[in-house]
Amino acid sequence: MSGGSTAYGTPSYGGGRGGREGVTSSSSQGSFQAKPREANTVYVGNLGVSTDREGLTSAFSGMNMDVRKVNILLNDQGNSKGAGFVTFGTPEDAQRVVDQCQSQGLTVDGNRLIVQLARQ
């Protein structure tokens, strides 16, 4: 049965060893599931290890922005990887946050954050 005519007919999704299925995620189970990013989502980098969702939400809410969701990436031990994603109410809000953070900077827990529009 090797070399059959149904190259894509027999799914073998079990382990995904070394395969490139087009999905990127961390190696831990369930800590981050890759999904297409919304246009109103920004990437936030250089987070301190003590920065949590509430602190990040507070920092952006202080800019009078409608923060809808905050996701901080965690490693297998549950510690911050130093990055995350923040979703705002509109794409325009996200762009304003990026522009403001790049021109004036935003510091949370002593770290100046890297703020960019998330890649789609």
PDB file of N, CA and C in Angstrom:
ATOM      1  N   MET A   1       0.797  -1.188   0.000  1.00  0.00           N
ATOM      2  CA  MET A   1       0.000   0.000   0.000  1.00  0.00           C
ATOM      3  C   MET A   1       0.844   1.259   0.000  1.00  0.00           C
ATOM      4  N   SER A   2       2.112   1.153  -0.201  1.00  0.00           N
ATOM      5  CA  SER A   2       2.906   2.375  -0.262  1.00  0.00           C
ATOM      6  C   SER A   2       2.831   2.961  -1.652  1.00  0.00           C
ATOM      7  N   GLY A   3       2.849   4.293  -1.722  1.00  0.00           N
ATOM      8  CA  GLY A   3       2.808   4.980  -2.994  1.00  0.00           C
ATOM      9  C   GLY A   3       1.449   4.957  -3.651  1.00  0.00           C
ATOM     10  N   GLY A   4       0.378   4.798  -2.876  1.00  0.00           N
ATOM     11  CA  GLY A   4      -0.972   4.752  -3.416  1.00  0.00           C
ATOM     12  C   GLY A   4      -1.376   6.062  -4.051  1.00  0.00           C
ATOM     13  N   SER A   5      -2.493   6.043  -4.738  1.00  0.00           N
ATOM     14  CA  SER A   5      -2.930   7.233  -5.463  1.00  0.00           C
ATOM     15  C   SER A   5      -3.602   8.263  -4.567  1.00  0.00           C
ATOM     16  N   THR A   6      -3.831   7.947  -3.317  1.00  0.00           N
ATOM     17  CA  THR A   6      -4.479   8.895  -2.410  1.00  0.00           C
ATOM     18  C   THR A   6      -3.467   9.440  -1.430  1.00  0.00           C
ATOM     19  N   ALA A   7      -2.568  10.266  -1.921  1.00  0.00           N
ATOM     20  CA  ALA A   7      -1.504  10.819  -1.087  1.00  0.00           C
ATOM     21  C   ALA A   7      -2.053  11.607   0.088  1.00  0.00           C
ATOM     22  N   TYR A   8      -3.196  12.269  -0.104  1.00  0.00           N
ATOM     23  CA  TYR A   8      -3.775  13.051   0.980  1.00  0.00           C
ATOM     24  C   TYR A   8      -4.984  12.357   1.587  1.00  0.00           C
ATOM     25  N   GLY A   9      -5.285  11.173   1.116  1.00  0.00           N
ATOM     26  CA  GLY A   9      -6.496  10.481   1.551  1.00  0.00           C
ATOM     27  C   GLY A   9      -6.400   9.839   2.909  1.00  0.00           C
ATOM     28  N   THR A  10      -5.222   9.516   3.379  1.00  0.00           N
ATOM     29  CA  THR A  10      -5.092   8.854   4.660  1.00  0.00           C
ATOM     30  C   THR A  10      -4.511   9.802   5.681  1.00  0.00           C
ATOM     31  N   PRO A  11      -5.372  10.445   6.457  1.00  0.00           N
ATOM     32  CA  PRO A  11      -4.836  11.387   7.449  1.00  0.00           C
ATOM     33  C   PRO A  11      -4.101  10.669   8.557  1.00  0.00           C
ATOM     34  N   SER A  12      -2.936  11.161   8.878  1.00  0.00           N
ATOM     35  CA  SER A  12      -2.195  10.637  10.029  1.00  0.00           C
ATOM     36  C   SER A  12      -1.729  11.826  10.841  1.00  0.00           C
ATOM     37  N   TYR A  13      -2.656  12.392  11.586  1.00  0.00           N
ATOM     38  CA  TYR A  13      -2.381  13.615  12.338  1.00  0.00           C
ATOM     39  C   TYR A  13      -1.869  13.338  13.738  1.00  0.00           C
ATOM     40  N   GLY A  14      -1.725  12.113  14.104  1.00  0.00           N
ATOM     41  CA  GLY A  14      -1.374  11.713  15.461  1.00  0.00           C
ATOM     42  C   GLY A  14      -0.269  12.514  16.096  1.00  0.00           C
ATOM     43  N   GLY A  15       0.968  12.343  15.652  1.00  0.00           N
ATOM     44  CA  GLY A  15       2.068  12.990  16.329  1.00  0.00           C
ATOM     45  C   GLY A  15       2.539  14.261  15.676  1.00  0.00           C
ATOM     46  N   GLY A  16       2.394  14.369  14.385  1.00  0.00           N
ATOM     47  CA  GLY A  16       2.879  15.550  13.703  1.00  0.00           C
ATOM     48  C   GLY A  16       4.383  15.701  13.802  1.00  0.00           C
ATOM     49  N   ARG A  17       5.107  14.581  13.849  1.00  0.00           N
ATOM     50  CA  ARG A  17       6.551  14.629  14.038  1.00  0.00           C
ATOM     51  C   ARG A  17       7.232  15.343  12.895  1.00  0.00           C
ATOM     52  N   GLY A  18       7.778  16.493  13.184  1.00  0.00           N
ATOM     53  CA  GLY A  18       8.567  17.211  12.211  1.00  0.00           C
ATOM     54  C   GLY A  18       7.766  17.733  11.033  1.00  0.00           C
ATOM     55  N   GLY A  19       6.491  17.467  10.998  1.00  0.00           N
ATOM     56  CA  GLY A  19       5.680  17.916   9.880  1.00  0.00           C
ATOM     57  C   GLY A  19       5.408  19.401   9.962  1.00  0.00           C
ATOM     58  N   ARG A  20       5.098  19.953   8.840  1.00  0.00           N
ATOM     59  CA  ARG A  20       4.767  21.380   8.795  1.00  0.00           C
ATOM     60  C   ARG A  20       3.305  21.486   8.426  1.00  0.00           C
ATOM     61  N   GLU A  21       2.452  21.437   9.404  1.00  0.00           N
ATOM     62  CA  GLU A  21       1.029  21.503   9.162  1.00  0.00           C
ATOM     63  C   GLU A  21       0.537  22.935   9.047  1.00  0.00           C
ATOM     64  N   GLY A  22       1.403  23.924   9.137  1.00  0.00           N
ATOM     65  CA  GLY A  22       0.991  25.307   8.998  1.00  0.00           C
ATOM     66  C   GLY A  22       0.494  25.926  10.289  1.00  0.00           C
ATOM     67  N   VAL A  23       0.641  25.230  11.385  1.00  0.00           N
ATOM     68  CA  VAL A  23       0.206  25.765  12.668  1.00  0.00           C
ATOM     69  C   VAL A  23       1.429  25.868  13.559  1.00  0.00           C
ATOM     70  N   THR A  24       1.627  27.036  14.116  1.00  0.00           N
ATOM     71  CA  THR A  24       2.733  27.203  15.040  1.00  0.00           C
ATOM     72  C   THR A  24       2.178  27.388  16.430  1.00  0.00           C
ATOM     73  N   SER A  25       2.736  26.698  17.354  1.00  0.00           N
ATOM     74  CA  SER A  25       2.335  26.837  18.747  1.00  0.00           C
ATOM     75  C   SER A  25       3.504  26.427  19.614  1.00  0.00           C
ATOM     76  N   SER A  26       3.389  26.687  20.885  1.00  0.00           N
ATOM     77  CA  SER A  26       4.463  26.286  21.784  1.00  0.00           C
ATOM     78  C   SER A  26       4.416  24.785  21.947  1.00  0.00           C
ATOM     79  N   SER A  27       5.493  24.223  22.429  1.00  0.00           N
ATOM     80  CA  SER A  27       5.571  22.779  22.539  1.00  0.00           C
ATOM     81  C   SER A  27       4.744  22.227  23.694  1.00  0.00           C
ATOM     82  N   SER A  28       4.302  23.048  24.595  1.00  0.00           N
ATOM     83  CA  SER A  28       3.503  22.550  25.698  1.00  0.00           C
ATOM     84  C   SER A  28       2.067  22.365  25.267  1.00  0.00           C
ATOM     85  N   GLN A  29       1.403  21.460  25.906  1.00  0.00           N
ATOM     86  CA  GLN A  29       0.029  21.169  25.549  1.00  0.00           C
ATOM     87  C   GLN A  29      -0.894  22.233  26.108  1.00  0.00           C
ATOM     88  N   GLY A  30      -1.606  22.910  25.227  1.00  0.00           N
ATOM     89  CA  GLY A  30      -2.644  23.821  25.646  1.00  0.00           C
ATOM     90  C   GLY A  30      -2.202  25.187  26.139  1.00  0.00           C
ATOM     91  N   SER A  31      -0.912  25.504  26.182  1.00  0.00           N
ATOM     92  CA  SER A  31      -0.538  26.808  26.698  1.00  0.00           C
ATOM     93  C   SER A  31      -0.798  27.918  25.689  1.00  0.00           C
ATOM     94  N   PHE A  32      -0.745  27.583  24.392  1.00  0.00           N
ATOM     95  CA  PHE A  32      -1.028  28.596  23.377  1.00  0.00           C
ATOM     96  C   PHE A  32      -1.462  27.881  22.120  1.00  0.00           C
ATOM     97  N   GLN A  33      -2.621  28.208  21.634  1.00  0.00           N
ATOM     98  CA  GLN A  33      -3.107  27.631  20.401  1.00  0.00           C
ATOM     99  C   GLN A  33      -3.095  28.712  19.340  1.00  0.00           C
ATOM    100  N   ALA A  34      -2.379  28.459  18.258  1.00  0.00           N
ATOM    101  CA  ALA A  34      -2.265  29.456  17.203  1.00  0.00           C
ATOM    102  C   ALA A  34      -3.586  29.609  16.476  1.00  0.00           C
ATOM    103  N   LYS A  35      -4.041  30.836  16.382  1.00  0.00           N
ATOM    104  CA  LYS A  35      -5.245  31.175  15.638  1.00  0.00           C
ATOM    105  C   LYS A  35      -4.919  32.415  14.834  1.00  0.00           C
ATOM    106  N   PRO A  36      -5.643  32.638  13.756  1.00  0.00           N
ATOM    107  CA  PRO A  36      -5.401  33.885  13.018  1.00  0.00           C
ATOM    108  C   PRO A  36      -5.648  35.084  13.922  1.00  0.00           C
ATOM    109  N   ARG A  37      -4.766  36.051  13.857  1.00  0.00           N
ATOM    110  CA  ARG A  37      -4.900  37.251  14.670  1.00  0.00           C
ATOM    111  C   ARG A  37      -5.905  38.200  14.046  1.00  0.00           C
ATOM    112  N   GLU A  38      -6.641  38.867  14.888  1.00  0.00           N
ATOM    113  CA  GLU A  38      -7.588  39.858  14.418  1.00  0.00           C
ATOM    114  C   GLU A  38      -6.832  41.156  14.131  1.00  0.00           C
ATOM    115  N   ALA A  39      -7.380  41.991  13.275  1.00  0.00           N
ATOM    116  CA  ALA A  39      -6.730  43.252  12.900  1.00  0.00           C
ATOM    117  C   ALA A  39      -6.643  44.212  14.079  1.00  0.00           C
ATOM    118  N   ASN A  40      -7.396  43.940  15.132  1.00  0.00           N
ATOM    119  CA  ASN A  40      -7.382  44.828  16.293  1.00  0.00           C
ATOM    120  C   ASN A  40      -6.520  44.267  17.425  1.00  0.00           C
ATOM    121  N   THR A  41      -5.573  43.402  17.084  1.00  0.00           N
ATOM    122  CA  THR A  41      -4.701  42.776  18.077  1.00  0.00           C
ATOM    123  C   THR A  41      -3.273  43.281  17.915  1.00  0.00           C
ATOM    124  N   VAL A  42      -2.628  43.569  19.045  1.00  0.00           N
ATOM    125  CA  VAL A  42      -1.229  43.984  19.019  1.00  0.00           C
ATOM    126  C   VAL A  42      -0.369  42.969  19.756  1.00  0.00           C
ATOM    127  N   TYR A  43       0.856  42.839  19.299  1.00  0.00           N
ATOM    128  CA  TYR A  43       1.873  42.032  19.969  1.00  0.00           C
ATOM    129  C   TYR A  43       2.548  42.929  20.992  1.00  0.00           C
ATOM    130  N   VAL A  44       2.776  42.388  22.178  1.00  0.00           N
ATOM    131  CA  VAL A  44       3.469  43.132  23.225  1.00  0.00           C
ATOM    132  C   VAL A  44       4.652  42.285  23.682  1.00  0.00           C
ATOM    133  N   GLY A  45       5.847  42.843  23.559  1.00  0.00           N
ATOM    134  CA  GLY A  45       7.054  42.132  23.954  1.00  0.00           C
ATOM    135  C   GLY A  45       7.795  42.856  25.061  1.00  0.00           C
ATOM    136  N   ASN A  46       8.809  42.191  25.602  1.00  0.00           N
ATOM    137  CA  ASN A  46       9.647  42.689  26.683  1.00  0.00           C
ATOM    138  C   ASN A  46       8.872  42.825  27.990  1.00  0.00           C
ATOM    139  N   LEU A  47       7.914  41.921  28.195  1.00  0.00           N
ATOM    140  CA  LEU A  47       7.171  41.909  29.459  1.00  0.00           C
ATOM    141  C   LEU A  47       8.067  41.394  30.577  1.00  0.00           C
ATOM    142  N   GLY A  48       7.918  41.966  31.737  1.00  0.00           N
ATOM    143  CA  GLY A  48       8.637  41.478  32.903  1.00  0.00           C
ATOM    144  C   GLY A  48       8.023  40.176  33.408  1.00  0.00           C
ATOM    145  N   VAL A  49       8.795  39.408  34.133  1.00  0.00           N
ATOM    146  CA  VAL A  49       8.290  38.126  34.631  1.00  0.00           C
ATOM    147  C   VAL A  49       7.124  38.306  35.601  1.00  0.00           C
ATOM    148  N   SER A  50       7.039  39.463  36.232  1.00  0.00           N
ATOM    149  CA  SER A  50       5.958  39.689  37.194  1.00  0.00           C
ATOM    150  C   SER A  50       4.723  40.332  36.561  1.00  0.00           C
ATOM    151  N   THR A  51       4.801  40.695  35.279  1.00  0.00           N
ATOM    152  CA  THR A  51       3.663  41.332  34.619  1.00  0.00           C
ATOM    153  C   THR A  51       2.573  40.298  34.384  1.00  0.00           C
ATOM    154  N   ASP A  52       1.372  40.618  34.844  1.00  0.00           N
ATOM    155  CA  ASP A  52       0.243  39.715  34.652  1.00  0.00           C
ATOM    156  C   ASP A  52      -0.835  40.395  33.809  1.00  0.00           C
ATOM    157  N   ARG A  53      -1.920  39.674  33.568  1.00  0.00           N
ATOM    158  CA  ARG A  53      -3.000  40.208  32.733  1.00  0.00           C
ATOM    159  C   ARG A  53      -3.550  41.514  33.274  1.00  0.00           C
ATOM    160  N   GLU A  54      -3.746  41.562  34.581  1.00  0.00           N
ATOM    161  CA  GLU A  54      -4.325  42.762  35.190  1.00  0.00           C
ATOM    162  C   GLU A  54      -3.419  43.978  34.995  1.00  0.00           C
ATOM    163  N   GLY A  55      -2.123  43.794  35.162  1.00  0.00           N
ATOM    164  CA  GLY A  55      -1.178  44.895  34.993  1.00  0.00           C
ATOM    165  C   GLY A  55      -1.136  45.394  33.562  1.00  0.00           C
ATOM    166  N   LEU A  56      -1.164  44.459  32.620  1.00  0.00           N
ATOM    167  CA  LEU A  56      -1.135  44.842  31.212  1.00  0.00           C
ATOM    168  C   LEU A  56      -2.449  45.505  30.807  1.00  0.00           C
ATOM    169  N   THR A  57      -3.561  44.968  31.284  1.00  0.00           N
ATOM    170  CA  THR A  57      -4.868  45.571  31.010  1.00  0.00           C
ATOM    171  C   THR A  57      -4.924  46.983  31.558  1.00  0.00           C
ATOM    172  N   SER A  58      -4.441  47.162  32.766  1.00  0.00           N
ATOM    173  CA  SER A  58      -4.445  48.471  33.408  1.00  0.00           C
ATOM    174  C   SER A  58      -3.602  49.483  32.622  1.00  0.00           C
ATOM    175  N   ALA A  59      -2.445  49.056  32.135  1.00  0.00           N
ATOM    176  CA  ALA A  59      -1.559  49.957  31.396  1.00  0.00           C
ATOM    177  C   ALA A  59      -2.235  50.477  30.132  1.00  0.00           C
ATOM    178  N   PHE A  60      -2.906  49.595  29.401  1.00  0.00           N
ATOM    179  CA  PHE A  60      -3.561  50.024  28.171  1.00  0.00           C
ATOM    180  C   PHE A  60      -4.885  50.723  28.440  1.00  0.00           C
ATOM    181  N   SER A  61      -5.577  50.344  29.483  1.00  0.00           N
ATOM    182  CA  SER A  61      -6.819  51.036  29.843  1.00  0.00           C
ATOM    183  C   SER A  61      -6.528  52.465  30.265  1.00  0.00           C
ATOM    184  N   GLY A  62      -5.353  52.688  30.847  1.00  0.00           N
ATOM    185  CA  GLY A  62      -4.931  54.021  31.233  1.00  0.00           C
ATOM    186  C   GLY A  62      -4.739  54.941  30.037  1.00  0.00           C
ATOM    187  N   MET A  63      -4.657  54.368  28.840  1.00  0.00           N
ATOM    188  CA  MET A  63      -4.539  55.147  27.614  1.00  0.00           C
ATOM    189  C   MET A  63      -5.925  55.412  27.023  1.00  0.00           C
ATOM    190  N   ASN A  64      -6.959  55.128  27.807  1.00  0.00           N
ATOM    191  CA  ASN A  64      -8.352  55.285  27.371  1.00  0.00           C
ATOM    192  C   ASN A  64      -8.674  54.430  26.147  1.00  0.00           C
ATOM    193  N   MET A  65      -8.202  53.194  26.157  1.00  0.00           N
ATOM    194  CA  MET A  65      -8.465  52.257  25.073  1.00  0.00           C
ATOM    195  C   MET A  65      -9.372  51.140  25.581  1.00  0.00           C
ATOM    196  N   ASP A  66     -10.196  50.631  24.686  1.00  0.00           N
ATOM    197  CA  ASP A  66     -11.125  49.554  24.996  1.00  0.00           C
ATOM    198  C   ASP A  66     -10.405  48.213  24.874  1.00  0.00           C
ATOM    199  N   VAL A  67      -9.846  47.724  25.992  1.00  0.00           N
ATOM    200  CA  VAL A  67      -9.124  46.452  26.007  1.00  0.00           C
ATOM    201  C   VAL A  67     -10.149  45.328  26.096  1.00  0.00           C
ATOM    202  N   ARG A  68     -10.147  44.451  25.100  1.00  0.00           N
ATOM    203  CA  ARG A  68     -11.105  43.348  25.061  1.00  0.00           C
ATOM    204  C   ARG A  68     -10.529  42.049  25.620  1.00  0.00           C
ATOM    205  N   LYS A  69      -9.250  41.784  25.307  1.00  0.00           N
ATOM    206  CA  LYS A  69      -8.659  40.520  25.738  1.00  0.00           C
ATOM    207  C   LYS A  69      -7.155  40.680  25.877  1.00  0.00           C
ATOM    208  N   VAL A  70      -6.597  40.033  26.894  1.00  0.00           N
ATOM    209  CA  VAL A  70      -5.154  40.031  27.105  1.00  0.00           C
ATOM    210  C   VAL A  70      -4.706  38.578  27.240  1.00  0.00           C
ATOM    211  N   ASN A  71      -3.694  38.201  26.475  1.00  0.00           N
ATOM    212  CA  ASN A  71      -3.163  36.848  26.525  1.00  0.00           C
ATOM    213  C   ASN A  71      -1.649  36.928  26.667  1.00  0.00           C
ATOM    214  N   ILE A  72      -1.135  36.516  27.816  1.00  0.00           N
ATOM    215  CA  ILE A  72       0.308  36.483  28.038  1.00  0.00           C
ATOM    216  C   ILE A  72       0.779  35.056  27.770  1.00  0.00           C
ATOM    217  N   LEU A  73       1.807  34.927  26.943  1.00  0.00           N
ATOM    218  CA  LEU A  73       2.325  33.606  26.595  1.00  0.00           C
ATOM    219  C   LEU A  73       3.096  33.029  27.772  1.00  0.00           C
ATOM    220  N   LEU A  74       2.823  31.761  28.076  1.00  0.00           N
ATOM    221  CA  LEU A  74       3.450  31.087  29.205  1.00  0.00           C
ATOM    222  C   LEU A  74       4.246  29.882  28.735  1.00  0.00           C
ATOM    223  N   ASN A  75       5.304  29.572  29.473  1.00  0.00           N
ATOM    224  CA  ASN A  75       6.077  28.375  29.154  1.00  0.00           C
ATOM    225  C   ASN A  75       5.466  27.158  29.855  1.00  0.00           C
ATOM    226  N   ASP A  76       6.131  26.021  29.759  1.00  0.00           N
ATOM    227  CA  ASP A  76       5.625  24.778  30.342  1.00  0.00           C
ATOM    228  C   ASP A  76       5.453  24.849  31.857  1.00  0.00           C
ATOM    229  N   GLN A  77       6.228  25.697  32.511  1.00  0.00           N
ATOM    230  CA  GLN A  77       6.145  25.835  33.971  1.00  0.00           C
ATOM    231  C   GLN A  77       5.130  26.884  34.395  1.00  0.00           C
ATOM    232  N   GLY A  78       4.472  27.528  33.442  1.00  0.00           N
ATOM    233  CA  GLY A  78       3.480  28.545  33.764  1.00  0.00           C
ATOM    234  C   GLY A  78       4.061  29.932  33.965  1.00  0.00           C
ATOM    235  N   ASN A  79       5.331  30.117  33.606  1.00  0.00           N
ATOM    236  CA  ASN A  79       5.976  31.427  33.723  1.00  0.00           C
ATOM    237  C   ASN A  79       5.877  32.177  32.403  1.00  0.00           C
ATOM    238  N   SER A  80       5.867  33.496  32.484  1.00  0.00           N
ATOM    239  CA  SER A  80       5.758  34.328  31.301  1.00  0.00           C
ATOM    240  C   SER A  80       6.944  34.126  30.370  1.00  0.00           C
ATOM    241  N   LYS A  81       6.653  34.085  29.071  1.00  0.00           N
ATOM    242  CA  LYS A  81       7.701  34.034  28.056  1.00  0.00           C
ATOM    243  C   LYS A  81       8.169  35.436  27.695  1.00  0.00           C
ATOM    244  N   GLY A  82       7.563  36.451  28.325  1.00  0.00           N
ATOM    245  CA  GLY A  82       7.973  37.825  28.075  1.00  0.00           C
ATOM    246  C   GLY A  82       7.241  38.480  26.924  1.00  0.00           C
ATOM    247  N   ALA A  83       6.158  37.855  26.464  1.00  0.00           N
ATOM    248  CA  ALA A  83       5.404  38.409  25.343  1.00  0.00           C
ATOM    249  C   ALA A  83       3.940  38.039  25.477  1.00  0.00           C
ATOM    250  N   GLY A  84       3.125  38.750  24.722  1.00  0.00           N
ATOM    251  CA  GLY A  84       1.706  38.445  24.730  1.00  0.00           C
ATOM    252  C   GLY A  84       0.982  39.211  23.642  1.00  0.00           C
ATOM    253  N   PHE A  85      -0.337  39.120  23.675  1.00  0.00           N
ATOM    254  CA  PHE A  85      -1.185  39.783  22.699  1.00  0.00           C
ATOM    255  C   PHE A  85      -2.312  40.494  23.424  1.00  0.00           C
ATOM    256  N   VAL A  86      -2.647  41.684  22.944  1.00  0.00           N
ATOM    257  CA  VAL A  86      -3.742  42.459  23.515  1.00  0.00           C
ATOM    258  C   VAL A  86      -4.699  42.787  22.371  1.00  0.00           C
ATOM    259  N   THR A  87      -5.980  42.484  22.578  1.00  0.00           N
ATOM    260  CA  THR A  87      -7.001  42.761  21.575  1.00  0.00           C
ATOM    261  C   THR A  87      -7.822  43.955  22.029  1.00  0.00           C
ATOM    262  N   PHE A  88      -8.006  44.898  21.105  1.00  0.00           N
ATOM    263  CA  PHE A  88      -8.757  46.121  21.380  1.00  0.00           C
ATOM    264  C   PHE A  88     -10.101  46.081  20.662  1.00  0.00           C
ATOM    265  N   GLY A  89     -10.937  47.061  20.950  1.00  0.00           N
ATOM    266  CA  GLY A  89     -12.279  47.107  20.383  1.00  0.00           C
ATOM    267  C   GLY A  89     -12.311  47.268  18.878  1.00  0.00           C
ATOM    268  N   THR A  90     -11.388  48.041  18.329  1.00  0.00           N
ATOM    269  CA  THR A  90     -11.376  48.292  16.885  1.00  0.00           C
ATOM    270  C   THR A  90      -9.944  48.265  16.358  1.00  0.00           C
ATOM    271  N   PRO A  91      -9.776  48.042  15.056  1.00  0.00           N
ATOM    272  CA  PRO A  91      -8.436  48.129  14.458  1.00  0.00           C
ATOM    273  C   PRO A  91      -7.829  49.527  14.615  1.00  0.00           C
ATOM    274  N   GLU A  92      -8.683  50.542  14.608  1.00  0.00           N
ATOM    275  CA  GLU A  92      -8.193  51.912  14.781  1.00  0.00           C
ATOM    276  C   GLU A  92      -7.597  52.111  16.176  1.00  0.00           C
ATOM    277  N   ASP A  93      -8.238  51.541  17.198  1.00  0.00           N
ATOM    278  CA  ASP A  93      -7.692  51.601  18.559  1.00  0.00           C
ATOM    279  C   ASP A  93      -6.323  50.925  18.611  1.00  0.00           C
ATOM    280  N   ALA A  94      -6.221  49.769  17.981  1.00  0.00           N
ATOM    281  CA  ALA A  94      -4.945  49.043  17.977  1.00  0.00           C
ATOM    282  C   ALA A  94      -3.853  49.877  17.319  1.00  0.00           C
ATOM    283  N   GLN A  95      -4.163  50.497  16.200  1.00  0.00           N
ATOM    284  CA  GLN A  95      -3.170  51.319  15.504  1.00  0.00           C
ATOM    285  C   GLN A  95      -2.783  52.532  16.339  1.00  0.00           C
ATOM    286  N   ARG A  96      -3.751  53.161  17.022  1.00  0.00           N
ATOM    287  CA  ARG A  96      -3.448  54.311  17.885  1.00  0.00           C
ATOM    288  C   ARG A  96      -2.519  53.893  19.033  1.00  0.00           C
ATOM    289  N   VAL A  97      -2.770  52.726  19.607  1.00  0.00           N
ATOM    290  CA  VAL A  97      -1.913  52.227  20.692  1.00  0.00           C
ATOM    291  C   VAL A  97      -0.487  52.037  20.186  1.00  0.00           C
ATOM    292  N   VAL A  98      -0.344  51.406  19.029  1.00  0.00           N
ATOM    293  CA  VAL A  98       0.989  51.178  18.465  1.00  0.00           C
ATOM    294  C   VAL A  98       1.690  52.512  18.212  1.00  0.00           C
ATOM    295  N   ASP A  99       0.982  53.436  17.582  1.00  0.00           N
ATOM    296  CA  ASP A  99       1.582  54.741  17.284  1.00  0.00           C
ATOM    297  C   ASP A  99       2.012  55.456  18.561  1.00  0.00           C
ATOM    298  N   GLN A 100       1.137  55.462  19.561  1.00  0.00           N
ATOM    299  CA  GLN A 100       1.452  56.152  20.812  1.00  0.00           C
ATOM    300  C   GLN A 100       2.611  55.486  21.551  1.00  0.00           C
ATOM    301  N   CYS A 101       2.605  54.164  21.593  1.00  0.00           N
ATOM    302  CA  CYS A 101       3.677  53.450  22.304  1.00  0.00           C
ATOM    303  C   CYS A 101       5.018  53.611  21.596  1.00  0.00           C
ATOM    304  N   GLN A 102       5.004  53.662  20.281  1.00  0.00           N
ATOM    305  CA  GLN A 102       6.256  53.820  19.553  1.00  0.00           C
ATOM    306  C   GLN A 102       6.795  55.242  19.639  1.00  0.00           C
ATOM    307  N   SER A 103       5.899  56.215  19.767  1.00  0.00           N
ATOM    308  CA  SER A 103       6.385  57.592  19.848  1.00  0.00           C
ATOM    309  C   SER A 103       6.719  57.999  21.287  1.00  0.00           C
ATOM    310  N   GLN A 104       5.908  57.583  22.249  1.00  0.00           N
ATOM    311  CA  GLN A 104       6.105  58.005  23.634  1.00  0.00           C
ATOM    312  C   GLN A 104       6.652  56.906  24.540  1.00  0.00           C
ATOM    313  N   GLY A 105       6.482  55.671  24.138  1.00  0.00           N
ATOM    314  CA  GLY A 105       6.920  54.547  24.959  1.00  0.00           C
ATOM    315  C   GLY A 105       5.880  54.184  25.996  1.00  0.00           C
ATOM    316  N   LEU A 106       5.927  52.947  26.447  1.00  0.00           N
ATOM    317  CA  LEU A 106       5.049  52.461  27.510  1.00  0.00           C
ATOM    318  C   LEU A 106       5.876  51.545  28.401  1.00  0.00           C
ATOM    319  N   THR A 107       5.940  51.880  29.669  1.00  0.00           N
ATOM    320  CA  THR A 107       6.705  51.086  30.630  1.00  0.00           C
ATOM    321  C   THR A 107       5.747  50.429  31.606  1.00  0.00           C
ATOM    322  N   VAL A 108       5.908  49.120  31.787  1.00  0.00           N
ATOM    323  CA  VAL A 108       5.101  48.355  32.732  1.00  0.00           C
ATOM    324  C   VAL A 108       6.058  47.522  33.583  1.00  0.00           C
ATOM    325  N   ASP A 109       5.920  47.629  34.890  1.00  0.00           N
ATOM    326  CA  ASP A 109       6.776  46.898  35.842  1.00  0.00           C
ATOM    327  C   ASP A 109       8.261  47.117  35.554  1.00  0.00           C
ATOM    328  N   GLY A 110       8.612  48.346  35.142  1.00  0.00           N
ATOM    329  CA  GLY A 110      10.007  48.692  34.916  1.00  0.00           C
ATOM    330  C   GLY A 110      10.557  48.340  33.551  1.00  0.00           C
ATOM    331  N   ASN A 111       9.769  47.705  32.704  1.00  0.00           N
ATOM    332  CA  ASN A 111      10.234  47.336  31.368  1.00  0.00           C
ATOM    333  C   ASN A 111       9.547  48.189  30.315  1.00  0.00           C
ATOM    334  N   ARG A 112      10.340  48.745  29.406  1.00  0.00           N
ATOM    335  CA  ARG A 112       9.742  49.461  28.272  1.00  0.00           C
ATOM    336  C   ARG A 112       9.267  48.409  27.266  1.00  0.00           C
ATOM    337  N   LEU A 113       7.975  48.455  26.953  1.00  0.00           N
ATOM    338  CA  LEU A 113       7.372  47.422  26.124  1.00  0.00           C
ATOM    339  C   LEU A 113       7.600  47.659  24.641  1.00  0.00           C
ATOM    340  N   ILE A 114       7.668  46.564  23.913  1.00  0.00           N
ATOM    341  CA  ILE A 114       7.686  46.577  22.458  1.00  0.00           C
ATOM    342  C   ILE A 114       6.242  46.340  22.032  1.00  0.00           C
ATOM    343  N   VAL A 115       5.668  47.260  21.278  1.00  0.00           N
ATOM    344  CA  VAL A 115       4.265  47.160  20.882  1.00  0.00           C
ATOM    345  C   VAL A 115       4.187  47.297  19.367  1.00  0.00           C
ATOM    346  N   GLN A 116       3.633  46.262  18.718  1.00  0.00           N
ATOM    347  CA  GLN A 116       3.493  46.241  17.262  1.00  0.00           C
ATOM    348  C   GLN A 116       2.168  45.614  16.901  1.00  0.00           C
ATOM    349  N   LEU A 117       1.644  45.944  15.727  1.00  0.00           N
ATOM    350  CA  LEU A 117       0.455  45.233  15.252  1.00  0.00           C
ATOM    351  C   LEU A 117       0.817  43.761  15.086  1.00  0.00           C
ATOM    352  N   ALA A 118      -0.079  42.899  15.539  1.00  0.00           N
ATOM    353  CA  ALA A 118       0.174  41.458  15.423  1.00  0.00           C
ATOM    354  C   ALA A 118       0.107  41.047  13.964  1.00  0.00           C
ATOM    355  N   ARG A 119       0.942  40.104  13.603  1.00  0.00           N
ATOM    356  CA  ARG A 119       0.916  39.587  12.233  1.00  0.00           C
ATOM    357  C   ARG A 119      -0.330  38.752  12.042  1.00  0.00           C
ATOM    358  N   GLN A 120      -0.878  38.850  10.867  1.00  0.00           N
ATOM    359  CA  GLN A 120      -2.109  38.113  10.566  1.00  0.00           C
ATOM    360  C   GLN A 120      -1.819  36.670  10.253  1.00  0.00           C
TER     361      GLN A 120
END
